Amino acid sequence: MDTTLLKFALSALILLAVSVAPAAAVEQNCRFIQAKPDREACYKRQEEELAAKRKPVAPIDNGKAFESARQMRQDDEAVYRSINNICRGC
């Protein structure tokens, strides 16, 4: 019984190690490039990819946002009025 548990734990550990290694290698591969221009180009590509991921969301037009908020408020009030007419505990 102990050998089965040991085999399962060992296989899970190997699977975890194999799945984590490629993710770490992708982020740190620029450090190991010997040629300086190539290494700097690699860092620049990584910065551009990171900047693209962090790109801010376009601002919402305040007029449209206000109109949609007003419409949602009206819809909510209509729902609350209809719920008020439901008999509770009948």
Protein backbone atom coordinates (compact mmCIF):
# COMPACT_ATOMS: atom_id res chain seq x y z
CA MET A 1 0.00 0.00 0.00
CA ASP A 2 2.86 2.38 0.78
CA THR A 3 4.53 1.65 -2.55
CA THR A 4 1.36 2.60 -4.43
CA LEU A 5 1.19 5.91 -2.61
CA LEU A 6 4.89 6.50 -3.22
CA LYS A 7 4.52 5.76 -6.95
CA PHE A 8 1.56 8.11 -7.21
CA ALA A 9 3.38 10.92 -5.38
CA LEU A 10 6.49 10.45 -7.52
CA SER A 11 4.54 10.54 -10.78
CA ALA A 12 2.63 13.64 -9.65
CA LEU A 13 5.89 15.36 -8.73
CA ILE A 14 7.45 14.54 -12.11
CA LEU A 15 4.36 15.78 -13.94
CA LEU A 16 4.45 19.03 -11.98
CA ALA A 17 8.17 19.56 -12.67
CA VAL A 18 7.73 18.95 -16.40
CA SER A 19 4.76 21.30 -16.71
CA VAL A 20 6.39 24.18 -14.80
CA ALA A 21 9.77 24.13 -16.55
CA PRO A 22 8.70 25.44 -20.01
CA ALA A 23 6.77 28.36 -18.52
CA ALA A 24 9.80 29.54 -16.57
CA ALA A 25 12.11 29.08 -19.57
CA VAL A 26 10.03 31.35 -21.79
CA GLU A 27 10.38 34.34 -19.47
CA GLN A 28 14.07 33.94 -18.66
CA ASN A 29 15.54 32.91 -22.01
CA CYS A 30 16.94 36.39 -22.77
CA ARG A 31 19.49 36.19 -19.97
CA PHE A 32 21.32 33.33 -21.61
CA ILE A 33 21.82 34.93 -25.04
CA GLN A 34 25.52 35.75 -25.36
CA ALA A 35 25.42 38.34 -28.15
CA LYS A 36 24.48 41.72 -26.72
CA PRO A 37 22.37 42.99 -29.69
CA ASP A 38 20.38 39.75 -29.75
CA ARG A 39 19.88 39.84 -26.00
CA GLU A 40 18.69 43.46 -26.11
CA ALA A 41 16.32 42.65 -28.97
CA CYS A 42 14.91 39.80 -26.90
CA TYR A 43 14.36 42.11 -23.93
CA LYS A 44 12.68 44.64 -26.21
CA ARG A 45 10.30 41.98 -27.56
CA GLN A 46 9.43 40.93 -24.03
CA GLU A 47 8.74 44.55 -23.03
CA GLU A 48 6.47 45.02 -26.04
CA GLU A 49 4.55 41.82 -25.24
CA LEU A 50 4.17 42.90 -21.62
CA ALA A 51 3.02 46.37 -22.64
CA ALA A 52 0.45 44.85 -24.99
CA LYS A 53 -0.91 42.75 -22.12
CA ARG A 54 -1.09 45.77 -19.82
CA LYS A 55 -2.70 48.05 -22.42
CA PRO A 56 -5.35 50.15 -20.67
CA VAL A 57 -8.99 49.74 -21.57
CA ALA A 58 -10.42 52.50 -23.74
CA PRO A 59 -12.33 55.10 -21.68
CA ILE A 60 -16.11 54.85 -21.76
CA ASP A 61 -18.08 57.79 -23.14
CA ASN A 62 -19.65 59.43 -20.07
CA GLY A 63 -22.87 60.31 -21.88
CA LYS A 64 -23.48 56.70 -22.88
CA ALA A 65 -22.50 55.43 -19.45
CA PHE A 66 -24.90 57.84 -17.76
CA GLU A 67 -27.70 56.87 -20.15
CA SER A 68 -27.15 53.14 -19.60
CA ALA A 69 -27.03 53.63 -15.82
CA ARG A 70 -30.30 55.56 -15.95
CA GLN A 71 -31.89 52.84 -18.07
CA MET A 72 -30.74 50.12 -15.66
CA ARG A 73 -32.15 52.11 -12.74
CA GLN A 74 -35.53 52.35 -14.48
CA ASP A 75 -35.50 48.62 -15.21
CA ASP A 76 -34.65 47.86 -11.59
CA GLU A 77 -37.50 50.04 -10.35
CA ALA A 78 -39.93 48.21 -12.65
CA VAL A 79 -38.76 44.85 -11.33
CA TYR A 80 -39.05 46.01 -7.71
CA ARG A 81 -42.60 47.25 -8.35
CA SER A 82 -43.58 43.91 -9.88
CA ILE A 83 -42.00 41.99 -6.99
CA ASN A 84 -43.91 44.13 -4.49
CA ASN A 85 -47.19 42.81 -5.93
CA ILE A 86 -46.22 39.17 -5.32
CA CYS A 87 -47.90 37.66 -2.28
CA ARG A 88 -45.27 36.59 0.19
CA GLY A 89 -46.01 33.67 2.44
CA CYS A 90 -49.31 32.78 0.79
